Every structure is written in structure tokens, then in C-alpha cells.
Amino acid sequence: MAADQAPPERERTAVSGWVLRAVATAHLVAGFAQPVFAGVYLSGDFDGLSWHVIGADLVSFIGIAQIGAAVAVWIRARRAWPFWASVALTIGATAQYFAGLDGALWLHFPLGVALVAGIAAVFAAVWMRPLPRRRKAVRTDG
């Protein structure tokens, strides 16, 4: 690089990307708490079930918020994958929620493991690379 050339500008994560990161982090914390609450219940403390239900509601609400944040990233940063990943996680969480209410533990447990893994994967993906705002090309031909 010549002395008169400026170094390339580093890509910075846009505000919409930071919002998505914050929501994905909250989703991860709530998702990881769910097996803990289930374990408390399964070890004989029946209050653990009420915490598990509250946690399930929280994971669901955060999943919906993550879809909203992912829409902003899609619009501002032109990245669609966070939206589709968030939709898939929310659909899975909804299925798991109803499987739990129905007592279908044969589905509830493995789907819970898959959801926690998926939530962790999305968390890692949104934190690994910047999510910069895409700028429109400027026309110089008039």
C-alpha cells in the first residue's frame, strides 16, 4: 500500500445489527435456562415447573422479538439469513411449547436440545462477523 493511500475502512456493525445481537444474546440466556428449570423440576422441586413455563413464555417472546430485529437487519443490512433462522427457531419453539403442554416428552426433549443448539448457532453467527449497513452505490455519471 502506498504512503498516500488511506487504509481500507473496517466494516462496522450497524445499529440494527447491534439490536439483533442483543436480542440473540437474551434468547441464548433464556434458552440455556430452560433445561436448568426442567432439571430442577425433574429433581423433585415442583416450583421448577412454574419456572420452566415462565421460561418457555420468555423464549417464545424473545423469539418473536428476534424476528423483528432480523427484519430490520434484512432491510438495513440486506442480510436475509437471520430472519429465516429466527423464523425457523420460533416455529420450532412453538412446536416444542405445544408438545410440552400435551405431555409429549418424546418430542419435547429432543426438540429442546435442537432448539438450544440452534439458538446457540444463531448467537455465534451474529457475533462472528460485522453486520454493516449496506450503502447504495453512488452514481457519478450524472
Protein backbone atom coordinates (compact mmCIF):
# COMPACT_ATOMS: atom_id res chain seq x y z
CA MET A 1 0.00 0.00 0.00
CA ALA A 2 1.40 3.37 -1.00
CA ALA A 3 2.02 6.06 1.60
CA ASP A 4 -0.63 8.35 0.09
CA GLN A 5 -3.40 5.73 0.24
CA ALA A 6 -5.66 5.54 3.25
CA PRO A 7 -6.13 2.13 4.85
CA PRO A 8 -9.38 0.42 3.92
CA GLU A 9 -12.27 1.31 6.18
CA ARG A 10 -13.23 -1.50 8.55
CA GLU A 11 -16.79 -2.67 8.37
CA ARG A 12 -18.74 -1.77 11.47
CA THR A 13 -21.90 -3.34 12.69
CA ALA A 14 -24.92 -1.11 12.15
CA VAL A 15 -27.39 -0.27 14.91
CA SER A 16 -29.82 -2.86 13.56
CA GLY A 17 -27.07 -5.47 13.86
CA TRP A 18 -26.38 -4.50 17.46
CA VAL A 19 -30.07 -4.80 18.28
CA LEU A 20 -30.12 -8.27 16.72
CA ARG A 21 -27.02 -9.21 18.72
CA ALA A 22 -28.65 -8.05 21.96
CA VAL A 23 -31.85 -9.98 21.27
CA ALA A 24 -29.90 -13.10 20.21
CA THR A 25 -27.92 -12.88 23.46
CA ALA A 26 -31.12 -12.66 25.52
CA HIS A 27 -32.51 -15.60 23.51
CA LEU A 28 -29.40 -17.64 24.32
CA VAL A 29 -29.61 -16.92 28.06
CA ALA A 30 -33.32 -17.77 28.18
CA GLY A 31 -32.78 -20.88 26.04
CA PHE A 32 -29.97 -22.15 28.28
CA ALA A 33 -32.07 -21.53 31.40
CA GLN A 34 -34.86 -23.83 30.17
CA PRO A 35 -33.05 -27.15 30.73
CA VAL A 36 -31.94 -25.89 34.14
CA PHE A 37 -35.55 -25.20 35.15
CA ALA A 38 -36.62 -28.58 33.76
CA GLY A 39 -33.86 -30.26 35.74
CA VAL A 40 -34.96 -28.52 38.93
CA TYR A 41 -38.47 -29.84 38.36
CA LEU A 42 -37.30 -33.37 37.47
CA SER A 43 -35.16 -33.49 40.61
CA GLY A 44 -38.30 -33.12 42.74
CA ASP A 45 -38.75 -29.38 43.25
CA PHE A 46 -42.18 -28.76 41.78
CA ASP A 47 -41.63 -24.98 41.67
CA GLY A 48 -39.21 -25.74 38.85
CA LEU A 49 -42.17 -26.47 36.59
CA SER A 50 -43.59 -22.97 37.02
CA TRP A 51 -40.15 -21.51 36.25
CA HIS A 52 -39.97 -23.74 33.17
CA VAL A 53 -43.36 -22.45 31.99
CA ILE A 54 -42.31 -18.83 32.55
CA GLY A 55 -39.06 -19.56 30.71
CA ALA A 56 -40.98 -21.08 27.80
CA ASP A 57 -43.08 -17.93 27.53
CA LEU A 58 -39.94 -15.82 27.67
CA VAL A 59 -38.17 -17.86 24.98
CA SER A 60 -41.25 -17.50 22.78
CA PHE A 61 -41.50 -13.74 23.26
CA ILE A 62 -37.78 -13.23 22.68
CA GLY A 63 -38.02 -15.38 19.54
CA ILE A 64 -40.71 -13.06 18.18
CA ALA A 65 -38.58 -10.03 19.09
CA GLN A 66 -35.64 -11.66 17.30
CA ILE A 67 -37.75 -11.97 14.15
CA GLY A 68 -38.46 -8.23 14.38
CA ALA A 69 -34.78 -7.40 14.84
CA ALA A 70 -33.91 -9.71 11.94
CA VAL A 71 -36.39 -7.88 9.71
CA ALA A 72 -34.51 -4.65 10.49
CA VAL A 73 -31.21 -6.33 9.59
CA TRP A 74 -32.73 -7.62 6.36
CA ILE A 75 -33.94 -4.14 5.41
CA ARG A 76 -30.89 -2.17 6.58
CA ALA A 77 -28.01 -4.61 6.04
CA ARG A 78 -29.54 -6.66 3.22
CA ARG A 79 -28.98 -9.95 5.01
CA ALA A 80 -31.93 -12.34 4.97
CA TRP A 81 -30.44 -15.36 6.76
CA PRO A 82 -31.02 -14.00 10.31
CA PHE A 83 -34.72 -13.60 9.51
CA TRP A 84 -35.14 -17.12 8.17
CA ALA A 85 -33.10 -18.63 11.03
CA SER A 86 -35.20 -16.72 13.57
CA VAL A 87 -38.43 -17.85 11.92
CA ALA A 88 -37.24 -21.48 11.99
CA LEU A 89 -36.33 -21.20 15.68
CA THR A 90 -39.69 -19.64 16.53
CA ILE A 91 -41.58 -22.35 14.66
CA GLY A 92 -39.55 -25.00 16.49
CA ALA A 93 -40.14 -23.28 19.84
CA THR A 94 -43.87 -23.16 19.16
CA ALA A 95 -43.94 -26.87 18.33
CA GLN A 96 -41.93 -27.62 21.46
CA TYR A 97 -44.21 -25.44 23.58
CA PHE A 98 -47.31 -27.35 22.50
CA ALA A 99 -45.54 -30.72 22.80
CA GLY A 100 -44.72 -29.80 26.40
CA LEU A 101 -48.29 -28.75 27.14
CA ASP A 102 -49.53 -32.03 25.66
CA GLY A 103 -47.02 -34.06 27.68
CA ALA A 104 -45.37 -35.46 24.53
CA LEU A 105 -41.93 -35.70 26.13
CA TRP A 106 -40.70 -37.97 23.33
CA LEU A 107 -40.83 -34.82 21.14
CA HIS A 108 -40.36 -32.12 23.78
CA PHE A 109 -36.91 -33.26 24.99
CA PRO A 110 -35.11 -33.80 21.65
CA LEU A 111 -36.70 -30.69 20.14
CA GLY A 112 -35.50 -28.71 23.16
CA VAL A 113 -31.95 -29.92 22.62
CA ALA A 114 -32.15 -28.98 18.94
CA LEU A 115 -33.56 -25.54 19.78
CA VAL A 116 -30.83 -24.72 22.29
CA ALA A 117 -28.24 -25.77 19.70
CA GLY A 118 -29.96 -23.65 17.03
CA ILE A 119 -30.21 -20.63 19.33
CA ALA A 120 -26.50 -21.00 20.15
CA ALA A 121 -25.62 -21.28 16.46
CA VAL A 122 -27.53 -18.11 15.56
CA PHE A 123 -25.95 -16.32 18.52
CA ALA A 124 -22.47 -17.30 17.35
CA ALA A 125 -23.20 -16.37 13.74
CA VAL A 126 -24.45 -12.85 14.52
CA TRP A 127 -21.45 -12.16 16.76
CA MET A 128 -18.76 -13.60 14.46
CA ARG A 129 -18.94 -11.06 11.65
CA PRO A 130 -19.96 -7.43 11.42
CA LEU A 131 -23.47 -6.68 10.19
CA PRO A 132 -22.83 -3.37 8.41
CA ARG A 133 -25.45 -1.25 6.77
CA ARG A 134 -25.31 -1.71 3.03
CA ARG A 135 -24.93 1.56 1.23
CA LYS A 136 -26.45 2.25 -2.15
CA ALA A 137 -23.97 2.78 -4.94
CA VAL A 138 -23.46 6.43 -5.73
CA ARG A 139 -23.84 7.33 -9.38
CA THR A 140 -21.15 9.61 -10.70
CA ASP A 141 -22.33 9.75 -14.31
CA GLY A 142 -24.95 12.43 -13.62
